[in-house]
PDB file of N, CA and C in Angstrom:
ATOM      1  N   UNK A   1       0.733  -1.307  -0.012  1.00  0.00           N
ATOM      2  CA  UNK A   1      -0.072  -0.162   0.084  1.00  0.00           C
ATOM      3  C   UNK A   1       0.978   1.405   0.289  1.00  0.00           C
ATOM      4  N   UNK A   2       0.606   2.373  -0.532  1.00  0.00           N
ATOM      5  CA  UNK A   2       1.003   3.912  -0.708  1.00  0.00           C
ATOM      6  C   UNK A   2       0.220   4.558   0.543  1.00  0.00           C
ATOM      7  N   UNK A   3       1.029   5.003   1.363  1.00  0.00           N
ATOM      8  CA  UNK A   3       0.434   6.050   1.964  1.00  0.00           C
ATOM      9  C   UNK A   3       0.052   7.671   1.401  1.00  0.00           C
ATOM     10  N   UNK A   4      -0.709   8.221   2.065  1.00  0.00           N
ATOM     11  CA  UNK A   4      -0.817   9.694   1.402  1.00  0.00           C
ATOM     12  C   UNK A   4      -1.128  10.137   2.429  1.00  0.00           C
ATOM     13  N   UNK A   5      -0.116  11.792   2.770  1.00  0.00           N
ATOM     14  CA  UNK A   5      -0.027  12.621   3.850  1.00  0.00           C
ATOM     15  C   UNK A   5      -1.799  13.692   3.678  1.00  0.00           C
ATOM     16  N   UNK A   6      -1.962  13.967   4.949  1.00  0.00           N
ATOM     17  CA  UNK A   6      -3.278  14.617   4.740  1.00  0.00           C
ATOM     18  C   UNK A   6      -2.782  15.971   3.747  1.00  0.00           C
ATOM     19  N   UNK A   7      -1.709  16.387   3.560  1.00  0.00           N
ATOM     20  CA  UNK A   7      -0.924  17.458   2.822  1.00  0.00           C
ATOM     21  C   UNK A   7      -0.618  17.151   1.245  1.00  0.00           C
ATOM     22  N   UNK A   8      -0.420  15.959   1.155  1.00  0.00           N
ATOM     23  CA  UNK A   8      -0.547  15.468  -0.159  1.00  0.00           C
ATOM     24  C   UNK A   8      -1.405  14.997  -0.791  1.00  0.00           C
ATOM     25  N   UNK A   9      -2.787  14.658   0.000  1.00  0.00           N
ATOM     26  CA  UNK A   9      -3.909  14.830  -0.565  1.00  0.00           C
ATOM     27  C   UNK A   9      -4.899  15.261  -1.098  1.00  0.00           C
ATOM     28  N   UNK A  10      -4.494  16.786   0.054  1.00  0.00           N
ATOM     29  CA  UNK A  10      -5.271  18.069  -0.505  1.00  0.00           C
ATOM     30  C   UNK A  10      -4.730  18.838  -1.783  1.00  0.00           C
ATOM     31  N   UNK A  11      -3.059  18.716  -2.072  1.00  0.00           N
ATOM     32  CA  UNK A  11      -2.497  19.110  -3.119  1.00  0.00           C
ATOM     33  C   UNK A  11      -3.771  18.293  -4.289  1.00  0.00           C
ATOM     34  N   UNK A  12      -3.236  16.896  -4.122  1.00  0.00           N
ATOM     35  CA  UNK A  12      -3.725  16.172  -5.255  1.00  0.00           C
ATOM     36  C   UNK A  12      -5.191  16.473  -5.576  1.00  0.00           C
ATOM     37  N   UNK A  13      -5.854  16.804  -4.596  1.00  0.00           N
ATOM     38  CA  UNK A  13      -7.243  17.166  -5.085  1.00  0.00           C
ATOM     39  C   UNK A  13      -7.388  18.687  -5.531  1.00  0.00           C
ATOM     40  N   UNK A  14      -5.902  19.415  -4.923  1.00  0.00           N
ATOM     41  CA  UNK A  14      -6.490  20.763  -5.834  1.00  0.00           C
ATOM     42  C   UNK A  14      -6.269  20.796  -7.119  1.00  0.00           C
ATOM     43  N   UNK A  15      -5.522  20.154  -7.482  1.00  0.00           N
ATOM     44  CA  UNK A  15      -4.733  19.581  -8.790  1.00  0.00           C
ATOM     45  C   UNK A  15      -5.974  19.412  -9.457  1.00  0.00           C
ATOM     46  N   UNK A  16      -6.675  17.946  -9.006  1.00  0.00           N
ATOM     47  CA  UNK A  16      -8.019  17.646  -9.671  1.00  0.00           C
ATOM     48  C   UNK A  16      -8.851  18.784 -10.102  1.00  0.00           C
ATOM     49  N   UNK A  17      -9.146  19.421  -9.402  1.00  0.00           N
ATOM     50  CA  UNK A  17     -10.216  20.412  -9.112  1.00  0.00           C
ATOM     51  C   UNK A  17      -9.816  21.197 -10.329  1.00  0.00           C
ATOM     52  N   UNK A  18      -8.767  21.320 -10.008  1.00  0.00           N
ATOM     53  CA  UNK A  18      -7.877  22.952 -10.984  1.00  0.00           C
ATOM     54  C   UNK A  18      -7.807  22.818 -12.452  1.00  0.00           C
ATOM     55  N   UNK A  19      -7.824  20.979 -12.950  1.00  0.00           N
ATOM     56  CA  UNK A  19      -7.586  20.325 -14.217  1.00  0.00           C
ATOM     57  C   UNK A  19      -8.946  19.935 -14.346  1.00  0.00           C
ATOM     58  N   UNK A  20     -10.265  19.913 -13.851  1.00  0.00           N
ATOM     59  CA  UNK A  20     -11.747  19.694 -14.488  1.00  0.00           C
ATOM     60  C   UNK A  20     -11.088  17.465 -14.532  1.00  0.00           C
ATOM     61  N   UNK A  21     -10.146  17.045 -13.537  1.00  0.00           N
ATOM     62  CA  UNK A  21     -10.041  15.928 -13.359  1.00  0.00           C
ATOM     63  C   UNK A  21     -10.686  15.364 -11.859  1.00  0.00           C
ATOM     64  N   UNK A  22     -12.268  15.028 -11.600  1.00  0.00           N
ATOM     65  CA  UNK A  22     -12.686  14.907 -10.316  1.00  0.00           C
ATOM     66  C   UNK A  22     -13.109  13.002 -10.376  1.00  0.00           C
ATOM     67  N   UNK A  23     -13.131  12.729 -11.505  1.00  0.00           N
ATOM     68  CA  UNK A  23     -13.392  11.122 -11.832  1.00  0.00           C
ATOM     69  C   UNK A  23     -11.815  10.658 -11.824  1.00  0.00           C
ATOM     70  N   UNK A  24     -10.680  11.384 -11.603  1.00  0.00           N
ATOM     71  CA  UNK A  24      -9.647  10.190 -11.763  1.00  0.00           C
ATOM     72  C   UNK A  24      -9.099  10.085 -10.921  1.00  0.00           C
ATOM     73  N   UNK A  25      -8.089   9.056 -11.202  1.00  0.00           N
ATOM     74  CA  UNK A  25      -7.324   8.564  -9.897  1.00  0.00           C
ATOM     75  C   UNK A  25      -5.321   8.939 -10.063  1.00  0.00           C
ATOM     76  N   UNK A  26      -5.248   8.523  -9.270  1.00  0.00           N
ATOM     77  CA  UNK A  26      -3.340   9.047  -9.200  1.00  0.00           C
ATOM     78  C   UNK A  26      -2.812   7.734  -9.904  1.00  0.00           C
ATOM     79  N   UNK A  27      -1.867   7.809 -10.901  1.00  0.00           N
ATOM     80  CA  UNK A  27      -1.541   6.454 -11.149  1.00  0.00           C
ATOM     81  C   UNK A  27       0.113   7.464 -10.444  1.00  0.00           C
ATOM     82  N   UNK A  28       0.574   6.108  -9.550  1.00  0.00           N
ATOM     83  CA  UNK A  28       2.061   6.017  -8.753  1.00  0.00           C
ATOM     84  C   UNK A  28       3.242   4.632  -9.528  1.00  0.00           C
ATOM     85  N   UNK A  29       3.958   5.421 -10.323  1.00  0.00           N
ATOM     86  CA  UNK A  29       4.733   4.464 -11.191  1.00  0.00           C
ATOM     87  C   UNK A  29       6.274   4.597 -10.710  1.00  0.00           C
ATOM     88  N   UNK A  30       7.023   3.601 -11.150  1.00  0.00           N
ATOM     89  CA  UNK A  30       8.110   3.568 -11.125  1.00  0.00           C
ATOM     90  C   UNK A  30       9.040   3.269 -13.011  1.00  0.00           C
ATOM     91  N   UNK A  31       9.762   4.264 -12.939  1.00  0.00           N
ATOM     92  CA  UNK A  31      10.421   3.887 -14.489  1.00  0.00           C
ATOM     93  C   UNK A  31      11.429   4.660 -13.849  1.00  0.00           C
ATOM     94  N   UNK A  32      12.642   3.304 -15.354  1.00  0.00           N
ATOM     95  CA  UNK A  32      13.905   3.190 -15.595  1.00  0.00           C
ATOM     96  C   UNK A  32      14.276   5.165 -15.558  1.00  0.00           C
ATOM     97  N   UNK A  33      15.403   5.314 -15.076  1.00  0.00           N
ATOM     98  CA  UNK A  33      15.861   6.484 -15.480  1.00  0.00           C
ATOM     99  C   UNK A  33      16.491   7.483 -14.101  1.00  0.00           C
ATOM    100  N   UNK A  34      16.844   8.267 -14.105  1.00  0.00           N
ATOM    101  CA  UNK A  34      17.269   9.317 -13.017  1.00  0.00           C
ATOM    102  C   UNK A  34      19.151   8.884 -12.465  1.00  0.00           C
ATOM    103  N   UNK A  35      19.595   9.802 -11.772  1.00  0.00           N
ATOM    104  CA  UNK A  35      20.604   9.064 -11.716  1.00  0.00           C
ATOM    105  C   UNK A  35      20.836   8.322 -10.293  1.00  0.00           C
ATOM    106  N   UNK A  36      20.398   7.872  -9.510  1.00  0.00           N
ATOM    107  CA  UNK A  36      19.959   6.820  -8.745  1.00  0.00           C
ATOM    108  C   UNK A  36      19.184   5.027  -9.848  1.00  0.00           C
ATOM    109  N   UNK A  37      19.284   5.738 -10.958  1.00  0.00           N
ATOM    110  CA  UNK A  37      18.860   4.292 -11.587  1.00  0.00           C
ATOM    111  C   UNK A  37      17.098   4.603 -12.220  1.00  0.00           C
ATOM    112  N   UNK A  38      16.171   4.663 -10.933  1.00  0.00           N
ATOM    113  CA  UNK A  38      14.635   4.610 -10.973  1.00  0.00           C
ATOM    114  C   UNK A  38      14.045   5.845 -10.486  1.00  0.00           C
ATOM    115  N   UNK A  39      12.938   6.157 -11.513  1.00  0.00           N
ATOM    116  CA  UNK A  39      12.432   7.237 -11.241  1.00  0.00           C
ATOM    117  C   UNK A  39      10.448   7.815 -10.261  1.00  0.00           C
ATOM    118  N   UNK A  40      10.389   8.257 -10.245  1.00  0.00           N
ATOM    119  CA  UNK A  40       8.739   8.154  -9.370  1.00  0.00           C
ATOM    120  C   UNK A  40       7.864   8.679 -10.717  1.00  0.00           C
ATOM    121  N   UNK A  41       7.322   7.925 -11.050  1.00  0.00           N
ATOM    122  CA  UNK A  41       6.141   8.990 -11.942  1.00  0.00           C
ATOM    123  C   UNK A  41       4.887   9.207 -11.524  1.00  0.00           C
ATOM    124  N   UNK A  42       4.414  10.304 -11.506  1.00  0.00           N
ATOM    125  CA  UNK A  42       3.004  10.558 -10.787  1.00  0.00           C
ATOM    126  C   UNK A  42       1.826  11.257 -12.392  1.00  0.00           C
ATOM    127  N   UNK A  43       0.855  10.615 -12.660  1.00  0.00           N
ATOM    128  CA  UNK A  43      -0.148  11.156 -13.795  1.00  0.00           C
ATOM    129  C   UNK A  43      -1.279  10.595 -13.123  1.00  0.00           C
ATOM    130  N   UNK A  44      -2.276  11.317 -14.024  1.00  0.00           N
ATOM    131  CA  UNK A  44      -3.852  11.339 -13.464  1.00  0.00           C
ATOM    132  C   UNK A  44      -4.507  10.547 -14.589  1.00  0.00           C
ATOM    133  N   UNK A  45      -5.015   9.661 -14.269  1.00  0.00           N
ATOM    134  CA  UNK A  45      -5.659   8.345 -15.353  1.00  0.00           C
ATOM    135  C   UNK A  45      -7.213   8.493 -14.853  1.00  0.00           C
ATOM    136  N   UNK A  46      -8.280   8.308 -15.940  1.00  0.00           N
ATOM    137  CA  UNK A  46      -9.523   8.014 -15.891  1.00  0.00           C
ATOM    138  C   UNK A  46      -9.813   6.492 -15.133  1.00  0.00           C
ATOM    139  N   UNK A  47      -9.438   5.825 -15.843  1.00  0.00           N
ATOM    140  CA  UNK A  47      -9.707   4.112 -15.060  1.00  0.00           C
ATOM    141  C   UNK A  47      -7.969   3.663 -15.626  1.00  0.00           C
ATOM    142  N   UNK A  48      -8.138   2.453 -14.050  1.00  0.00           N
ATOM    143  CA  UNK A  48      -6.884   1.882 -14.019  1.00  0.00           C
ATOM    144  C   UNK A  48      -7.171   0.799 -15.005  1.00  0.00           C
ATOM    145  N   UNK A  49      -5.756   0.236 -14.929  1.00  0.00           N
ATOM    146  CA  UNK A  49      -5.284  -1.131 -16.015  1.00  0.00           C
ATOM    147  C   UNK A  49      -5.731  -2.262 -15.514  1.00  0.00           C
ATOM    148  N   UNK A  50      -5.884  -3.215 -16.277  1.00  0.00           N
ATOM    149  CA  UNK A  50      -6.274  -4.585 -15.980  1.00  0.00           C
ATOM    150  C   UNK A  50      -5.910  -5.083 -15.051  1.00  0.00           C
ATOM    151  N   UNK A  51      -3.964  -5.361 -14.827  1.00  0.00           N
ATOM    152  CA  UNK A  51      -3.961  -5.453 -13.706  1.00  0.00           C
ATOM    153  C   UNK A  51      -3.386  -4.606 -12.118  1.00  0.00           C
ATOM    154  N   UNK A  52      -3.908  -3.348 -12.434  1.00  0.00           N
ATOM    155  CA  UNK A  52      -3.382  -2.384 -11.160  1.00  0.00           C
ATOM    156  C   UNK A  52      -4.051  -2.961 -10.232  1.00  0.00           C
ATOM    157  N   UNK A  53      -3.263  -2.573  -9.034  1.00  0.00           N
ATOM    158  CA  UNK A  53      -3.653  -2.486  -7.650  1.00  0.00           C
ATOM    159  C   UNK A  53      -4.397  -1.380  -7.241  1.00  0.00           C
ATOM    160  N   UNK A  54      -5.414  -1.046  -7.086  1.00  0.00           N
ATOM    161  CA  UNK A  54      -6.074   0.029  -6.653  1.00  0.00           C
ATOM    162  C   UNK A  54      -7.023   0.463  -5.407  1.00  0.00           C
ATOM    163  N   UNK A  55      -6.508   1.390  -4.541  1.00  0.00           N
ATOM    164  CA  UNK A  55      -7.252   1.983  -3.486  1.00  0.00           C
ATOM    165  C   UNK A  55      -7.463   3.110  -3.239  1.00  0.00           C
ATOM    166  N   UNK A  56      -8.631   3.286  -1.929  1.00  0.00           N
ATOM    167  CA  UNK A  56      -8.249   4.699  -2.272  1.00  0.00           C
ATOM    168  C   UNK A  56      -7.962   4.964  -0.693  1.00  0.00           C
ATOM    169  N   UNK A  57      -6.900   6.044  -0.625  1.00  0.00           N
ATOM    170  CA  UNK A  57      -6.414   6.674   0.912  1.00  0.00           C
ATOM    171  C   UNK A  57      -7.259   8.535   0.935  1.00  0.00           C
ATOM    172  N   UNK A  58      -7.323   8.964   2.033  1.00  0.00           N
ATOM    173  CA  UNK A  58      -8.212  10.022   2.097  1.00  0.00           C
ATOM    174  C   UNK A  58      -8.879  10.669   1.157  1.00  0.00           C
ATOM    175  N   UNK A  59      -9.629   9.701   0.820  1.00  0.00           N
ATOM    176  CA  UNK A  59     -10.313  10.528  -0.870  1.00  0.00           C
ATOM    177  C   UNK A  59      -9.621  10.580  -2.561  1.00  0.00           C
ATOM    178  N   UNK A  60      -8.598   9.962  -1.852  1.00  0.00           N
ATOM    179  CA  UNK A  60      -7.633   9.906  -3.365  1.00  0.00           C
ATOM    180  C   UNK A  60      -7.757   8.909  -4.025  1.00  0.00           C
ATOM    181  N   UNK A  61      -8.071   8.380  -5.377  1.00  0.00           N
ATOM    182  CA  UNK A  61      -7.853   7.012  -5.675  1.00  0.00           C
ATOM    183  C   UNK A  61      -6.471   6.412  -6.534  1.00  0.00           C
ATOM    184  N   UNK A  62      -5.650   5.533  -5.832  1.00  0.00           N
ATOM    185  CA  UNK A  62      -4.715   5.360  -6.475  1.00  0.00           C
ATOM    186  C   UNK A  62      -4.261   4.136  -7.039  1.00  0.00           C
ATOM    187  N   UNK A  63      -3.605   4.274  -8.598  1.00  0.00           N
ATOM    188  CA  UNK A  63      -3.300   3.183  -9.109  1.00  0.00           C
ATOM    189  C   UNK A  63      -1.964   2.761  -9.211  1.00  0.00           C
ATOM    190  N   UNK A  64      -1.803   1.527  -9.021  1.00  0.00           N
ATOM    191  CA  UNK A  64      -0.058   1.265  -9.247  1.00  0.00           C
ATOM    192  C   UNK A  64      -0.136  -0.302 -10.036  1.00  0.00           C
ATOM    193  N   UNK A  65       0.511  -0.445 -10.924  1.00  0.00           N
ATOM    194  CA  UNK A  65       1.228  -1.683 -12.054  1.00  0.00           C
ATOM    195  C   UNK A  65       1.751  -2.489 -10.838  1.00  0.00           C
ATOM    196  N   UNK A  66       1.654  -3.539 -10.687  1.00  0.00           N
ATOM    197  CA  UNK A  66       2.349  -4.692 -10.143  1.00  0.00           C
ATOM    198  C   UNK A  66       3.700  -4.652 -10.555  1.00  0.00           C
ATOM    199  N   UNK A  67       4.227  -4.586 -11.375  1.00  0.00           N
ATOM    200  CA  UNK A  67       5.750  -3.983 -11.377  1.00  0.00           C
ATOM    201  C   UNK A  67       6.505  -2.771 -10.049  1.00  0.00           C
ATOM    202  N   UNK A  68       5.263  -1.910 -10.148  1.00  0.00           N
ATOM    203  CA  UNK A  68       5.954  -1.111  -9.378  1.00  0.00           C
ATOM    204  C   UNK A  68       5.424  -0.952  -8.137  1.00  0.00           C
ATOM    205  N   UNK A  69       4.423  -1.575  -7.881  1.00  0.00           N
ATOM    206  CA  UNK A  69       3.921  -2.022  -6.436  1.00  0.00           C
ATOM    207  C   UNK A  69       5.023  -2.716  -5.610  1.00  0.00           C
ATOM    208  N   UNK A  70       6.109  -3.636  -6.354  1.00  0.00           N
ATOM    209  CA  UNK A  70       7.130  -4.337  -5.801  1.00  0.00           C
ATOM    210  C   UNK A  70       8.027  -3.341  -5.336  1.00  0.00           C
ATOM    211  N   UNK A  71       8.558  -1.940  -5.785  1.00  0.00           N
ATOM    212  CA  UNK A  71       9.316  -1.129  -5.625  1.00  0.00           C
ATOM    213  C   UNK A  71       8.819  -0.058  -4.855  1.00  0.00           C
ATOM    214  N   UNK A  72       6.962   0.045  -4.488  1.00  0.00           N
ATOM    215  CA  UNK A  72       6.533   1.495  -3.756  1.00  0.00           C
ATOM    216  C   UNK A  72       5.868   0.752  -2.180  1.00  0.00           C
ATOM    217  N   UNK A  73       5.662  -0.610  -2.089  1.00  0.00           N
ATOM    218  CA  UNK A  73       4.950  -1.019  -1.380  1.00  0.00           C
ATOM    219  C   UNK A  73       5.570  -0.579   0.599  1.00  0.00           C
ATOM    220  N   UNK A  74       4.584   0.001   0.686  1.00  0.00           N
ATOM    221  CA  UNK A  74       4.514   1.044   2.239  1.00  0.00           C
ATOM    222  C   UNK A  74       5.801   2.946   2.740  1.00  0.00           C
ATOM    223  N   UNK A  75       5.271   2.882   1.123  1.00  0.00           N
ATOM    224  CA  UNK A  75       5.894   4.298   0.851  1.00  0.00           C
ATOM    225  C   UNK A  75       4.976   5.043   1.059  1.00  0.00           C
ATOM    226  N   UNK A  76       5.162   6.459   1.729  1.00  0.00           N
ATOM    227  CA  UNK A  76       4.424   7.259   1.529  1.00  0.00           C
ATOM    228  C   UNK A  76       5.029   8.657   1.013  1.00  0.00           C
ATOM    229  N   UNK A  77       4.118   8.420   0.323  1.00  0.00           N
ATOM    230  CA  UNK A  77       3.618  10.223  -0.640  1.00  0.00           C
ATOM    231  C   UNK A  77       3.069  11.319   0.377  1.00  0.00           C
ATOM    232  N   UNK A  78       4.424  12.467   0.026  1.00  0.00           N
ATOM    233  CA  UNK A  78       3.829  13.885   0.934  1.00  0.00           C
ATOM    234  C   UNK A  78       4.249  14.627   0.127  1.00  0.00           C
ATOM    235  N   UNK A  79       3.502  16.133   0.637  1.00  0.00           N
ATOM    236  CA  UNK A  79       3.532  17.093  -0.131  1.00  0.00           C
ATOM    237  C   UNK A  79       4.609  18.136   0.700  1.00  0.00           C
ATOM    238  N   UNK A  80       5.359  19.033   0.292  1.00  0.00           N
ATOM    239  CA  UNK A  80       5.985  20.548   0.435  1.00  0.00           C
ATOM    240  C   UNK A  80       5.655  21.437   0.446  1.00  0.00           C
ATOM    241  N   UNK A  81       5.422  22.651   0.847  1.00  0.00           N
ATOM    242  CA  UNK A  81       5.487  23.816   0.227  1.00  0.00           C
ATOM    243  C   UNK A  81       6.245  24.994   1.515  1.00  0.00           C
ATOM    244  N   UNK A  82       7.423  24.370   1.988  1.00  0.00           N
ATOM    245  CA  UNK A  82       8.141  25.435   2.761  1.00  0.00           C
ATOM    246  C   UNK A  82       9.180  26.039   2.065  1.00  0.00           C
ATOM    247  N   UNK A  83       9.993  26.288   2.484  1.00  0.00           N
ATOM    248  CA  UNK A  83      11.042  27.084   2.026  1.00  0.00           C
ATOM    249  C   UNK A  83      12.041  26.095   1.277  1.00  0.00           C
ATOM    250  N   UNK A  84      12.488  24.884   1.643  1.00  0.00           N
ATOM    251  CA  UNK A  84      13.620  24.281   0.836  1.00  0.00           C
ATOM    252  C   UNK A  84      12.882  23.721  -0.580  1.00  0.00           C
ATOM    253  N   UNK A  85      11.493  24.481  -0.643  1.00  0.00           N
ATOM    254  CA  UNK A  85      11.058  23.514  -1.441  1.00  0.00           C
ATOM    255  C   UNK A  85      10.139  23.624  -2.236  1.00  0.00           C
ATOM    256  N   UNK A  86       8.810  23.293  -2.854  1.00  0.00           N
ATOM    257  CA  UNK A  86       7.594  22.990  -2.807  1.00  0.00           C
ATOM    258  C   UNK A  86       7.697  21.645  -4.244  1.00  0.00           C
ATOM    259  N   UNK A  87       7.110  20.679  -3.768  1.00  0.00           N
ATOM    260  CA  UNK A  87       6.841  19.302  -4.571  1.00  0.00           C
ATOM    261  C   UNK A  87       6.123  18.157  -3.623  1.00  0.00           C
ATOM    262  N   UNK A  88       6.081  17.266  -4.342  1.00  0.00           N
ATOM    263  CA  UNK A  88       5.691  16.200  -3.989  1.00  0.00           C
ATOM    264  C   UNK A  88       7.426  15.337  -3.600  1.00  0.00           C
ATOM    265  N   UNK A  89       7.094  14.601  -2.545  1.00  0.00           N
ATOM    266  CA  UNK A  89       8.630  14.041  -1.708  1.00  0.00           C
ATOM    267  C   UNK A  89       7.808  12.817  -1.325  1.00  0.00           C
ATOM    268  N   UNK A  90       9.401  11.585  -1.677  1.00  0.00           N
ATOM    269  CA  UNK A  90       8.506   9.929  -1.920  1.00  0.00           C
ATOM    270  C   UNK A  90       9.702   9.519  -0.750  1.00  0.00           C
ATOM    271  N   UNK A  91       8.984   9.006   0.248  1.00  0.00           N
ATOM    272  CA  UNK A  91       9.152   8.535   1.590  1.00  0.00           C
ATOM    273  C   UNK A  91       9.211   7.027   1.329  1.00  0.00           C
ATOM    274  N   UNK A  92      10.465   6.286   0.876  1.00  0.00           N
ATOM    275  CA  UNK A  92      10.227   5.310   0.172  1.00  0.00           C
ATOM    276  C   UNK A  92      11.222   4.108   1.038  1.00  0.00           C
ATOM    277  N   UNK A  93      10.981   2.914   2.148  1.00  0.00           N
ATOM    278  CA  UNK A  93      11.271   2.230   3.280  1.00  0.00           C
ATOM    279  C   UNK A  93      12.129   1.317   1.974  1.00  0.00           C
ATOM    280  N   UNK A  94      11.794   1.175   0.707  1.00  0.00           N
ATOM    281  CA  UNK A  94      12.596   0.088  -0.089  1.00  0.00           C
ATOM    282  C   UNK A  94      13.558   0.693  -1.222  1.00  0.00           C
ATOM    283  N   UNK A  95      13.629   1.882  -0.617  1.00  0.00           N
ATOM    284  CA  UNK A  95      15.135   2.347  -1.546  1.00  0.00           C
ATOM    285  C   UNK A  95      16.354   1.952  -0.419  1.00  0.00           C
ATOM    286  N   UNK A  96      16.912   1.645  -1.565  1.00  0.00           N
ATOM    287  CA  UNK A  96      18.541   1.520  -0.288  1.00  0.00           C
ATOM    288  C   UNK A  96      19.477   2.853  -0.952  1.00  0.00           C
ATOM    289  N   UNK A  97      19.165   3.188  -1.829  1.00  0.00           N
ATOM    290  CA  UNK A  97      19.803   4.977  -1.996  1.00  0.00           C
ATOM    291  C   UNK A  97      19.110   5.751  -2.678  1.00  0.00           C
ATOM    292  N   UNK A  98      19.258   7.120  -2.702  1.00  0.00           N
ATOM    293  CA  UNK A  98      18.500   8.364  -3.275  1.00  0.00           C
ATOM    294  C   UNK A  98      19.429   9.211  -3.759  1.00  0.00           C
ATOM    295  N   UNK A  99      18.960  10.036  -4.709  1.00  0.00           N
ATOM    296  CA  UNK A  99      20.023  10.971  -5.412  1.00  0.00           C
ATOM    297  C   UNK A  99      19.825  12.292  -4.383  1.00  0.00           C
ATOM    298  N   UNK A 100      20.410  13.235  -4.546  1.00  0.00           N
ATOM    299  CA  UNK A 100      20.310  14.102  -3.452  1.00  0.00           C
ATOM    300  C   UNK A 100      19.229  15.266  -4.467  1.00  0.00           C
ATOM    301  N   UNK A 101      18.203  15.336  -5.238  1.00  0.00           N
ATOM    302  CA  UNK A 101      16.735  15.867  -5.659  1.00  0.00           C
ATOM    303  C   UNK A 101      15.427  15.079  -4.888  1.00  0.00           C
ATOM    304  N   UNK A 102      16.099  14.155  -4.187  1.00  0.00           N
ATOM    305  CA  UNK A 102      14.897  12.773  -3.898  1.00  0.00           C
ATOM    306  C   UNK A 102      13.902  12.172  -5.080  1.00  0.00           C
ATOM    307  N   UNK A 103      14.165  12.416  -6.394  1.00  0.00           N
ATOM    308  CA  UNK A 103      12.970  12.383  -7.543  1.00  0.00           C
ATOM    309  C   UNK A 103      13.736  11.038  -8.031  1.00  0.00           C
ATOM    310  N   UNK A 104      15.144  10.138  -7.340  1.00  0.00           N
ATOM    311  CA  UNK A 104      15.205   8.709  -7.857  1.00  0.00           C
ATOM    312  C   UNK A 104      15.908   8.096  -7.041  1.00  0.00           C
ATOM    313  N   UNK A 105      15.993   7.031  -7.161  1.00  0.00           N
ATOM    314  CA  UNK A 105      16.541   6.190  -5.943  1.00  0.00           C
ATOM    315  C   UNK A 105      17.265   4.795  -6.734  1.00  0.00           C
ATOM    316  N   UNK A 106      17.717   4.200  -5.879  1.00  0.00           N
ATOM    317  CA  UNK A 106      17.951   2.750  -6.350  1.00  0.00           C
ATOM    318  C   UNK A 106      17.476   1.669  -5.308  1.00  0.00           C
ATOM    319  N   UNK A 107      17.225   0.099  -5.867  1.00  0.00           N
ATOM    320  CA  UNK A 107      16.534  -1.055  -4.645  1.00  0.00           C
ATOM    321  C   UNK A 107      17.422  -1.655  -4.454  1.00  0.00           C
TER     322      UNK A 107
END
């Protein structure tokens, strides 16, 4: 399962409202690339794919494909809007190392 903090859920809902995507879910995935080997990808999609794990947390539907789930299970998605930067952050217990910017990791 991927956990979503209150701040992240609020930001996701705000974006969905602004973009007219209230009937969509958030796809959380891992793709190859980045300075540490794997990167996180977030995207809004209307429907899950056939083999996706689908669940809802804090009013946000989450879609995760099976391969990504192996690397993301137990992760917390957070959002920061402080002085150190604005954006989503990924607190992933499966990551053995991360890059300096926190958007890529190795497992």
